[in-house]
Amino acid sequence: MNEAFLFLAAPLTMCFILVGIHCYLGLHILAREVIFVDLALAQIAALGSVFAFLLGFEHGDIKTYFISLTGTIIVALFLAFSNRYKDKISQEALIGILYAFATAAIVLFVDKMSHGAEHIKYALTGQLLWVTWTDVLKVSIIYGIVSAVHYFFRHNLIKSSFGSKAHWKWDFLFYALFGVVITSSVHVAGVLLVFSFLIVPALLSSLFYKTIFHRLLFGWTIGVLLSILGVFLSYTLDLPAGALIVVIFTSFPILFISMLRLFNFKSL
């Protein structure tokens, strides 16, 4: 049992960190009503990673990270500009186009690689159980910097998401910071798990609470509990951690919302 806890300590800590940053960003995404922007940016980051691998760089190489980051920053700039025309052009439609482009491009790239299916699996679900404390330290530093910027510009960033229409530069800053987080997360957890961490805790917390603070507390609690369940079940049942955690995260709101009619439900 002690060996299991030692083995799972780093993956669990990584999950907690991912839940922490993604739940907060998820509240912004829900407020902006661009739910699938995470999938699009994550797929762009995965495309950058696959492209870097095709050029001869390894997945953990710093050059691979910056190739992925460059792609997400360019898309962040595009989204910030396009948001000015959201009254005329559907943002969800543009996000869908970006996602389709990145997905198709990944298929084309991996077709030229040996073990292409493994690369797609890695991009989708990551290798969460095999993260090291070095990986935890790296993402902690990156997310710490992103969190500090969010805190310093919190009034403008919250206003751009939850309030009236803001200047495009705040949209760009939000999407750029979001891209940094997504790029780092995809390299660890994969596209689908990152989406689950982002949307599920934020969605569930929005059912119960109206203030950002209470939504965060509730979302973090749900995210941590589901992460613990997923990691230990993955270890016990010898199943891929990323895929299993995604199934647990995504099935929970489906079951929970289906049961709401049994209760006299009101948000707080």
C-alpha atoms as a PDB file:
ATOM      1  CA  MET A   1       0.000   0.000   0.000  1.00  0.00           C
ATOM      2  CA  ASN A   2       2.845   2.392   0.838  1.00  0.00           C
ATOM      3  CA  GLU A   3       4.402   1.666  -2.547  1.00  0.00           C
ATOM      4  CA  ALA A   4       1.110   2.511  -4.229  1.00  0.00           C
ATOM      5  CA  PHE A   5       0.863   5.856  -2.435  1.00  0.00           C
ATOM      6  CA  LEU A   6       4.457   6.692  -3.341  1.00  0.00           C
ATOM      7  CA  PHE A   7       3.842   5.786  -6.985  1.00  0.00           C
ATOM      8  CA  LEU A   8       0.586   7.742  -7.171  1.00  0.00           C
ATOM      9  CA  ALA A   9       1.743  10.794  -5.207  1.00  0.00           C
ATOM     10  CA  ALA A  10       3.094  12.694  -8.214  1.00  0.00           C
ATOM     11  CA  PRO A  11       0.122  11.906 -10.538  1.00  0.00           C
ATOM     12  CA  LEU A  12      -2.350  12.888  -7.791  1.00  0.00           C
ATOM     13  CA  THR A  13      -0.516  16.129  -7.098  1.00  0.00           C
ATOM     14  CA  MET A  14      -0.533  16.871 -10.826  1.00  0.00           C
ATOM     15  CA  CYS A  15      -4.294  16.262 -10.927  1.00  0.00           C
ATOM     16  CA  PHE A  16      -4.849  18.660  -8.028  1.00  0.00           C
ATOM     17  CA  ILE A  17      -2.796  21.359  -9.763  1.00  0.00           C
ATOM     18  CA  LEU A  18      -4.641  20.822 -13.044  1.00  0.00           C
ATOM     19  CA  VAL A  19      -8.018  20.988 -11.309  1.00  0.00           C
ATOM     20  CA  GLY A  20      -6.971  24.167  -9.499  1.00  0.00           C
ATOM     21  CA  ILE A  21      -6.083  26.212 -12.577  1.00  0.00           C
ATOM     22  CA  HIS A  22      -8.594  24.691 -14.980  1.00  0.00           C
ATOM     23  CA  CYS A  23     -11.625  25.109 -12.740  1.00  0.00           C
ATOM     24  CA  TYR A  24     -10.965  28.847 -12.534  1.00  0.00           C
ATOM     25  CA  LEU A  25     -10.394  29.140 -16.280  1.00  0.00           C
ATOM     26  CA  GLY A  26     -13.471  27.002 -16.864  1.00  0.00           C
ATOM     27  CA  LEU A  27     -15.633  29.623 -15.131  1.00  0.00           C
ATOM     28  CA  HIS A  28     -14.334  32.191 -17.615  1.00  0.00           C
ATOM     29  CA  ILE A  29     -14.970  29.876 -20.552  1.00  0.00           C
ATOM     30  CA  LEU A  30     -18.554  29.207 -19.452  1.00  0.00           C
ATOM     31  CA  ALA A  31     -19.156  32.944 -19.012  1.00  0.00           C
ATOM     32  CA  ARG A  32     -17.749  33.650 -22.475  1.00  0.00           C
ATOM     33  CA  GLU A  33     -19.948  30.870 -23.914  1.00  0.00           C
ATOM     34  CA  VAL A  34     -17.062  29.404 -25.926  1.00  0.00           C
ATOM     35  CA  ILE A  35     -17.220  25.949 -24.378  1.00  0.00           C
ATOM     36  CA  PHE A  36     -15.158  24.142 -26.961  1.00  0.00           C
ATOM     37  CA  VAL A  37     -12.348  26.676 -27.231  1.00  0.00           C
ATOM     38  CA  ASP A  38     -10.405  24.422 -24.869  1.00  0.00           C
ATOM     39  CA  LEU A  39     -10.676  21.478 -27.260  1.00  0.00           C
ATOM     40  CA  ALA A  40      -9.613  23.652 -30.171  1.00  0.00           C
ATOM     41  CA  LEU A  41      -6.579  25.125 -28.398  1.00  0.00           C
ATOM     42  CA  ALA A  42      -5.681  21.751 -26.915  1.00  0.00           C
ATOM     43  CA  GLN A  43      -5.833  20.182 -30.353  1.00  0.00           C
ATOM     44  CA  ILE A  44      -3.655  22.979 -31.740  1.00  0.00           C
ATOM     45  CA  ALA A  45      -1.148  22.291 -28.940  1.00  0.00           C
ATOM     46  CA  ALA A  46      -1.272  18.564 -29.747  1.00  0.00           C
ATOM     47  CA  LEU A  47      -0.747  19.382 -33.428  1.00  0.00           C
ATOM     48  CA  GLY A  48       2.336  21.387 -32.522  1.00  0.00           C
ATOM     49  CA  SER A  49       3.648  18.485 -30.463  1.00  0.00           C
ATOM     50  CA  VAL A  50       3.067  15.994 -33.279  1.00  0.00           C
ATOM     51  CA  PHE A  51       4.648  18.364 -35.800  1.00  0.00           C
ATOM     52  CA  ALA A  52       7.698  18.797 -33.554  1.00  0.00           C
ATOM     53  CA  PHE A  53       7.996  15.007 -33.227  1.00  0.00           C
ATOM     54  CA  LEU A  54       7.836  14.732 -37.015  1.00  0.00           C
ATOM     55  CA  LEU A  55      10.764  17.176 -37.168  1.00  0.00           C
ATOM     56  CA  GLY A  56      12.766  14.897 -34.877  1.00  0.00           C
ATOM     57  CA  PHE A  57      12.171  16.423 -31.438  1.00  0.00           C
ATOM     58  CA  GLU A  58      11.042  14.283 -28.490  1.00  0.00           C
ATOM     59  CA  HIS A  59       7.771  14.858 -26.599  1.00  0.00           C
ATOM     60  CA  GLY A  60       9.542  16.181 -23.502  1.00  0.00           C
ATOM     61  CA  ASP A  61      11.901  18.472 -25.439  1.00  0.00           C
ATOM     62  CA  ILE A  62      11.696  22.183 -24.628  1.00  0.00           C
ATOM     63  CA  LYS A  63      11.622  22.915 -28.374  1.00  0.00           C
ATOM     64  CA  THR A  64       8.513  20.756 -28.702  1.00  0.00           C
ATOM     65  CA  TYR A  65       6.845  22.789 -25.985  1.00  0.00           C
ATOM     66  CA  PHE A  66       7.619  26.111 -27.635  1.00  0.00           C
ATOM     67  CA  ILE A  67       6.475  24.904 -31.048  1.00  0.00           C
ATOM     68  CA  SER A  68       3.132  23.951 -29.463  1.00  0.00           C
ATOM     69  CA  LEU A  69       2.998  27.215 -27.517  1.00  0.00           C
ATOM     70  CA  THR A  70       3.651  29.284 -30.642  1.00  0.00           C
ATOM     71  CA  GLY A  71       0.682  27.654 -32.346  1.00  0.00           C
ATOM     72  CA  THR A  72      -1.659  28.304 -29.430  1.00  0.00           C
ATOM     73  CA  ILE A  73      -0.537  31.947 -29.098  1.00  0.00           C
ATOM     74  CA  ILE A  74      -1.230  32.563 -32.804  1.00  0.00           C
ATOM     75  CA  VAL A  75      -4.694  31.040 -32.424  1.00  0.00           C
ATOM     76  CA  ALA A  76      -5.233  33.090 -29.232  1.00  0.00           C
ATOM     77  CA  LEU A  77      -4.507  36.268 -31.206  1.00  0.00           C
ATOM     78  CA  PHE A  78      -6.930  35.150 -33.922  1.00  0.00           C
ATOM     79  CA  LEU A  79      -9.678  34.450 -31.361  1.00  0.00           C
ATOM     80  CA  ALA A  80      -9.152  37.801 -29.656  1.00  0.00           C
ATOM     81  CA  PHE A  81      -9.560  39.664 -32.951  1.00  0.00           C
ATOM     82  CA  SER A  82     -12.474  37.548 -34.146  1.00  0.00           C
ATOM     83  CA  ASN A  83     -14.298  38.156 -30.854  1.00  0.00           C
ATOM     84  CA  ARG A  84     -14.850  41.747 -31.989  1.00  0.00           C
ATOM     85  CA  TYR A  85     -17.155  40.393 -34.688  1.00  0.00           C
ATOM     86  CA  LYS A  86     -19.055  37.905 -32.543  1.00  0.00           C
ATOM     87  CA  ASP A  87     -22.326  39.677 -33.383  1.00  0.00           C
ATOM     88  CA  LYS A  88     -21.807  38.731 -37.036  1.00  0.00           C
ATOM     89  CA  ILE A  89     -19.651  35.596 -36.884  1.00  0.00           C
ATOM     90  CA  SER A  90     -20.350  32.690 -34.543  1.00  0.00           C
ATOM     91  CA  GLN A  91     -17.364  32.119 -32.257  1.00  0.00           C
ATOM     92  CA  GLU A  92     -18.382  28.489 -31.769  1.00  0.00           C
ATOM     93  CA  ALA A  93     -18.322  28.001 -35.533  1.00  0.00           C
ATOM     94  CA  LEU A  94     -14.788  29.399 -35.752  1.00  0.00           C
ATOM     95  CA  ILE A  95     -13.705  27.227 -32.829  1.00  0.00           C
ATOM     96  CA  GLY A  96     -15.175  24.184 -34.588  1.00  0.00           C
ATOM     97  CA  ILE A  97     -13.254  25.067 -37.738  1.00  0.00           C
ATOM     98  CA  LEU A  98     -10.010  25.339 -35.770  1.00  0.00           C
ATOM     99  CA  TYR A  99     -10.657  22.007 -34.079  1.00  0.00           C
ATOM    100  CA  ALA A 100     -11.423  20.274 -37.382  1.00  0.00           C
ATOM    101  CA  PHE A 101      -8.285  21.743 -38.967  1.00  0.00           C
ATOM    102  CA  ALA A 102      -6.021  20.656 -36.119  1.00  0.00           C
ATOM    103  CA  THR A 103      -7.537  17.173 -35.922  1.00  0.00           C
ATOM    104  CA  ALA A 104      -7.247  16.548 -39.659  1.00  0.00           C
ATOM    105  CA  ALA A 105      -3.680  17.889 -39.701  1.00  0.00           C
ATOM    106  CA  ILE A 106      -2.716  15.535 -36.860  1.00  0.00           C
ATOM    107  CA  VAL A 107      -4.113  12.587 -38.835  1.00  0.00           C
ATOM    108  CA  LEU A 108      -2.051  13.643 -41.864  1.00  0.00           C
ATOM    109  CA  PHE A 109       1.113  13.978 -39.783  1.00  0.00           C
ATOM    110  CA  VAL A 110       0.810  10.702 -37.887  1.00  0.00           C
ATOM    111  CA  ASP A 111       0.138   8.915 -41.161  1.00  0.00           C
ATOM    112  CA  LYS A 112       3.795   9.604 -41.952  1.00  0.00           C
ATOM    113  CA  MET A 113       5.004   8.224 -38.611  1.00  0.00           C
ATOM    114  CA  SER A 114       5.631   4.744 -37.358  1.00  0.00           C
ATOM    115  CA  HIS A 115       3.362   3.895 -34.404  1.00  0.00           C
ATOM    116  CA  GLY A 116       1.006   6.709 -35.427  1.00  0.00           C
ATOM    117  CA  ALA A 117      -1.839   5.306 -33.326  1.00  0.00           C
ATOM    118  CA  GLU A 118       0.302   5.633 -30.185  1.00  0.00           C
ATOM    119  CA  HIS A 119       0.876   9.308 -30.909  1.00  0.00           C
ATOM    120  CA  ILE A 120      -2.853   9.928 -31.283  1.00  0.00           C
ATOM    121  CA  LYS A 121      -3.518   8.059 -28.020  1.00  0.00           C
ATOM    122  CA  TYR A 122      -0.844  10.113 -26.258  1.00  0.00           C
ATOM    123  CA  ALA A 123      -2.317  13.364 -27.627  1.00  0.00           C
ATOM    124  CA  LEU A 124      -5.840  12.462 -26.482  1.00  0.00           C
ATOM    125  CA  THR A 125      -5.283  10.982 -23.016  1.00  0.00           C
ATOM    126  CA  GLY A 126      -1.659  11.722 -22.102  1.00  0.00           C
ATOM    127  CA  GLN A 127       0.455   9.647 -19.721  1.00  0.00           C
ATOM    128  CA  LEU A 128      -0.713  10.917 -16.378  1.00  0.00           C
ATOM    129  CA  LEU A 129       0.415   7.957 -14.259  1.00  0.00           C
ATOM    130  CA  TRP A 130       3.980   8.405 -15.419  1.00  0.00           C
ATOM    131  CA  VAL A 131       4.485  12.055 -14.505  1.00  0.00           C
ATOM    132  CA  THR A 132       7.440  12.814 -12.262  1.00  0.00           C
ATOM    133  CA  TRP A 133       8.001  15.363  -9.547  1.00  0.00           C
ATOM    134  CA  THR A 134      10.055  17.303 -12.097  1.00  0.00           C
ATOM    135  CA  ASP A 135       6.941  17.539 -14.274  1.00  0.00           C
ATOM    136  CA  VAL A 136       4.944  18.697 -11.246  1.00  0.00           C
ATOM    137  CA  LEU A 137       7.521  21.394 -10.503  1.00  0.00           C
ATOM    138  CA  LYS A 138       7.533  22.633 -14.108  1.00  0.00           C
ATOM    139  CA  VAL A 139       3.766  23.046 -14.389  1.00  0.00           C
ATOM    140  CA  SER A 140       3.611  24.553 -10.882  1.00  0.00           C
ATOM    141  CA  ILE A 141       6.005  27.306 -11.960  1.00  0.00           C
ATOM    142  CA  ILE A 142       4.158  27.932 -15.236  1.00  0.00           C
ATOM    143  CA  TYR A 143       0.713  27.945 -13.628  1.00  0.00           C
ATOM    144  CA  GLY A 144       2.010  30.068 -10.767  1.00  0.00           C
ATOM    145  CA  ILE A 145       3.132  32.750 -13.232  1.00  0.00           C
ATOM    146  CA  VAL A 146      -0.186  32.562 -15.115  1.00  0.00           C
ATOM    147  CA  SER A 147      -2.117  32.803 -11.840  1.00  0.00           C
ATOM    148  CA  ALA A 148      -0.072  35.825 -10.784  1.00  0.00           C
ATOM    149  CA  VAL A 149      -0.850  37.620 -14.056  1.00  0.00           C
ATOM    150  CA  HIS A 150      -4.537  36.743 -13.681  1.00  0.00           C
ATOM    151  CA  TYR A 151      -4.544  38.114 -10.147  1.00  0.00           C
ATOM    152  CA  PHE A 152      -2.705  41.304 -11.086  1.00  0.00           C
ATOM    153  CA  PHE A 153      -5.122  42.046 -13.968  1.00  0.00           C
ATOM    154  CA  ARG A 154      -8.102  40.341 -12.338  1.00  0.00           C
ATOM    155  CA  HIS A 155     -10.516  43.265 -12.656  1.00  0.00           C
ATOM    156  CA  ASN A 156     -10.018  43.658 -16.401  1.00  0.00           C
ATOM    157  CA  LEU A 157      -9.917  39.912 -17.101  1.00  0.00           C
ATOM    158  CA  ILE A 158     -13.047  39.217 -15.063  1.00  0.00           C
ATOM    159  CA  LYS A 159     -14.802  42.145 -16.715  1.00  0.00           C
ATOM    160  CA  SER A 160     -13.847  40.866 -20.177  1.00  0.00           C
ATOM    161  CA  SER A 161     -15.398  37.471 -19.383  1.00  0.00           C
ATOM    162  CA  PHE A 162     -18.289  38.221 -17.031  1.00  0.00           C
ATOM    163  CA  GLY A 163     -19.061  41.854 -17.789  1.00  0.00           C
ATOM    164  CA  SER A 164     -19.612  44.110 -20.745  1.00  0.00           C
ATOM    165  CA  LYS A 165     -17.594  44.054 -23.939  1.00  0.00           C
ATOM    166  CA  ALA A 166     -13.933  44.779 -23.181  1.00  0.00           C
ATOM    167  CA  HIS A 167     -11.008  45.932 -25.297  1.00  0.00           C
ATOM    168  CA  TRP A 168      -9.625  43.209 -27.534  1.00  0.00           C
ATOM    169  CA  LYS A 169      -6.241  43.335 -25.737  1.00  0.00           C
ATOM    170  CA  TRP A 170      -7.840  41.814 -22.614  1.00  0.00           C
ATOM    171  CA  ASP A 171      -9.383  39.089 -24.729  1.00  0.00           C
ATOM    172  CA  PHE A 172      -5.962  38.428 -26.202  1.00  0.00           C
ATOM    173  CA  LEU A 173      -4.305  38.362 -22.778  1.00  0.00           C
ATOM    174  CA  PHE A 174      -6.912  35.900 -21.528  1.00  0.00           C
ATOM    175  CA  TYR A 175      -6.599  33.606 -24.539  1.00  0.00           C
ATOM    176  CA  ALA A 176      -2.801  33.859 -24.530  1.00  0.00           C
ATOM    177  CA  LEU A 177      -2.612  32.861 -20.856  1.00  0.00           C
ATOM    178  CA  PHE A 178      -5.191  30.178 -21.549  1.00  0.00           C
ATOM    179  CA  GLY A 179      -3.022  28.916 -24.397  1.00  0.00           C
ATOM    180  CA  VAL A 180       0.020  28.698 -22.117  1.00  0.00           C
ATOM    181  CA  VAL A 181      -1.947  26.615 -19.617  1.00  0.00           C
ATOM    182  CA  ILE A 182      -3.462  24.379 -22.289  1.00  0.00           C
ATOM    183  CA  THR A 183      -0.103  23.758 -23.962  1.00  0.00           C
ATOM    184  CA  SER A 184       1.448  22.711 -20.659  1.00  0.00           C
ATOM    185  CA  SER A 185      -1.550  20.591 -19.682  1.00  0.00           C
ATOM    186  CA  VAL A 186      -1.865  18.735 -22.988  1.00  0.00           C
ATOM    187  CA  HIS A 187       1.729  17.575 -22.777  1.00  0.00           C
ATOM    188  CA  VAL A 188       0.893  15.960 -19.446  1.00  0.00           C
ATOM    189  CA  ALA A 189      -2.753  14.948 -19.530  1.00  0.00           C
ATOM    190  CA  GLY A 190      -3.896  14.977 -23.159  1.00  0.00           C
ATOM    191  CA  VAL A 191      -6.721  16.805 -24.907  1.00  0.00           C
ATOM    192  CA  LEU A 192      -9.735  15.000 -23.425  1.00  0.00           C
ATOM    193  CA  LEU A 193      -8.593  15.084 -19.805  1.00  0.00           C
ATOM    194  CA  VAL A 194      -7.768  18.777 -20.019  1.00  0.00           C
ATOM    195  CA  PHE A 195     -11.281  19.447 -21.359  1.00  0.00           C
ATOM    196  CA  SER A 196     -12.794  17.419 -18.497  1.00  0.00           C
ATOM    197  CA  PHE A 197     -10.796  19.306 -15.851  1.00  0.00           C
ATOM    198  CA  LEU A 198     -11.809  22.611 -17.415  1.00  0.00           C
ATOM    199  CA  ILE A 199     -15.533  22.163 -17.935  1.00  0.00           C
ATOM    200  CA  VAL A 200     -16.927  19.585 -15.479  1.00  0.00           C
ATOM    201  CA  PRO A 201     -16.051  21.233 -12.107  1.00  0.00           C
ATOM    202  CA  ALA A 202     -16.996  24.684 -13.436  1.00  0.00           C
ATOM    203  CA  LEU A 203     -20.286  23.409 -14.851  1.00  0.00           C
ATOM    204  CA  LEU A 204     -21.319  21.599 -11.671  1.00  0.00           C
ATOM    205  CA  SER A 205     -20.387  24.533  -9.451  1.00  0.00           C
ATOM    206  CA  SER A 206     -22.491  26.848 -11.630  1.00  0.00           C
ATOM    207  CA  LEU A 207     -25.544  24.752 -10.793  1.00  0.00           C
ATOM    208  CA  PHE A 208     -25.237  25.506  -7.092  1.00  0.00           C
ATOM    209  CA  TYR A 209     -23.545  28.877  -6.664  1.00  0.00           C
ATOM    210  CA  LYS A 210     -23.602  32.312  -8.262  1.00  0.00           C
ATOM    211  CA  THR A 211     -20.427  33.924  -6.930  1.00  0.00           C
ATOM    212  CA  ILE A 212     -17.020  33.127  -8.423  1.00  0.00           C
ATOM    213  CA  PHE A 213     -15.518  32.392  -4.998  1.00  0.00           C
ATOM    214  CA  HIS A 214     -18.104  29.771  -4.039  1.00  0.00           C
ATOM    215  CA  ARG A 215     -18.039  28.228  -7.498  1.00  0.00           C
ATOM    216  CA  LEU A 216     -14.287  27.837  -7.190  1.00  0.00           C
ATOM    217  CA  LEU A 217     -14.468  26.159  -3.796  1.00  0.00           C
ATOM    218  CA  PHE A 218     -17.162  23.744  -4.932  1.00  0.00           C
ATOM    219  CA  GLY A 219     -15.450  23.047  -8.269  1.00  0.00           C
ATOM    220  CA  TRP A 220     -12.102  22.381  -6.636  1.00  0.00           C
ATOM    221  CA  THR A 221     -13.702  19.996  -4.148  1.00  0.00           C
ATOM    222  CA  ILE A 222     -15.508  18.001  -6.842  1.00  0.00           C
ATOM    223  CA  GLY A 223     -12.433  17.956  -9.064  1.00  0.00           C
ATOM    224  CA  VAL A 224     -10.138  16.715  -6.305  1.00  0.00           C
ATOM    225  CA  LEU A 225     -12.536  13.947  -5.221  1.00  0.00           C
ATOM    226  CA  LEU A 226     -13.116  12.694  -8.768  1.00  0.00           C
ATOM    227  CA  SER A 227      -9.364  12.814  -9.466  1.00  0.00           C
ATOM    228  CA  ILE A 228      -8.588  10.701  -6.406  1.00  0.00           C
ATOM    229  CA  LEU A 229     -11.243   8.184  -7.430  1.00  0.00           C
ATOM    230  CA  GLY A 230      -9.965   8.021 -10.997  1.00  0.00           C
ATOM    231  CA  VAL A 231      -6.274   7.666 -10.158  1.00  0.00           C
ATOM    232  CA  PHE A 232      -6.778   4.920  -7.575  1.00  0.00           C
ATOM    233  CA  LEU A 233      -9.235   2.999  -9.772  1.00  0.00           C
ATOM    234  CA  SER A 234      -6.782   3.236 -12.644  1.00  0.00           C
ATOM    235  CA  TYR A 235      -4.006   1.815 -10.483  1.00  0.00           C
ATOM    236  CA  THR A 236      -6.204  -0.895  -8.968  1.00  0.00           C
ATOM    237  CA  LEU A 237      -7.859  -2.020 -12.211  1.00  0.00           C
ATOM    238  CA  ASP A 238      -4.726  -1.548 -14.342  1.00  0.00           C
ATOM    239  CA  LEU A 239      -6.510   0.779 -16.776  1.00  0.00           C
ATOM    240  CA  PRO A 240      -5.198   3.883 -18.589  1.00  0.00           C
ATOM    241  CA  ALA A 241      -5.450   6.724 -16.098  1.00  0.00           C
ATOM    242  CA  GLY A 242      -6.282   9.473 -18.579  1.00  0.00           C
ATOM    243  CA  ALA A 243      -9.133   7.632 -20.279  1.00  0.00           C
ATOM    244  CA  LEU A 244     -10.620   6.384 -17.001  1.00  0.00           C
ATOM    245  CA  ILE A 245     -10.547   9.812 -15.349  1.00  0.00           C
ATOM    246  CA  VAL A 246     -12.226  11.311 -18.426  1.00  0.00           C
ATOM    247  CA  VAL A 247     -14.999   8.688 -18.203  1.00  0.00           C
ATOM    248  CA  ILE A 248     -15.481   9.391 -14.478  1.00  0.00           C
ATOM    249  CA  PHE A 249     -15.468  13.170 -14.889  1.00  0.00           C
ATOM    250  CA  THR A 250     -17.851  13.208 -17.849  1.00  0.00           C
ATOM    251  CA  SER A 251     -20.254  10.565 -16.538  1.00  0.00           C
ATOM    252  CA  PHE A 252     -20.664  12.313 -13.171  1.00  0.00           C
ATOM    253  CA  PRO A 253     -22.506  15.433 -14.450  1.00  0.00           C
ATOM    254  CA  ILE A 254     -24.644  13.306 -16.785  1.00  0.00           C
ATOM    255  CA  LEU A 255     -25.824  11.151 -13.899  1.00  0.00           C
ATOM    256  CA  PHE A 256     -26.079  14.049 -11.477  1.00  0.00           C
ATOM    257  CA  ILE A 257     -28.106  16.312 -13.764  1.00  0.00           C
ATOM    258  CA  SER A 258     -30.385  13.385 -14.626  1.00  0.00           C
ATOM    259  CA  MET A 259     -31.265  13.138 -10.920  1.00  0.00           C
ATOM    260  CA  LEU A 260     -32.036  16.842 -10.383  1.00  0.00           C
ATOM    261  CA  ARG A 261     -35.727  16.314 -11.006  1.00  0.00           C
ATOM    262  CA  LEU A 262     -35.866  14.121  -7.901  1.00  0.00           C
ATOM    263  CA  PHE A 263     -35.033  17.125  -5.733  1.00  0.00           C
ATOM    264  CA  ASN A 264     -36.411  20.598  -5.240  1.00  0.00           C
ATOM    265  CA  PHE A 265     -33.293  22.122  -6.725  1.00  0.00           C
ATOM    266  CA  LYS A 266     -32.330  25.786  -6.392  1.00  0.00           C
ATOM    267  CA  SER A 267     -28.962  27.410  -6.957  1.00  0.00           C
ATOM    268  CA  LEU A 268     -27.415  29.247  -4.036  1.00  0.00           C
END
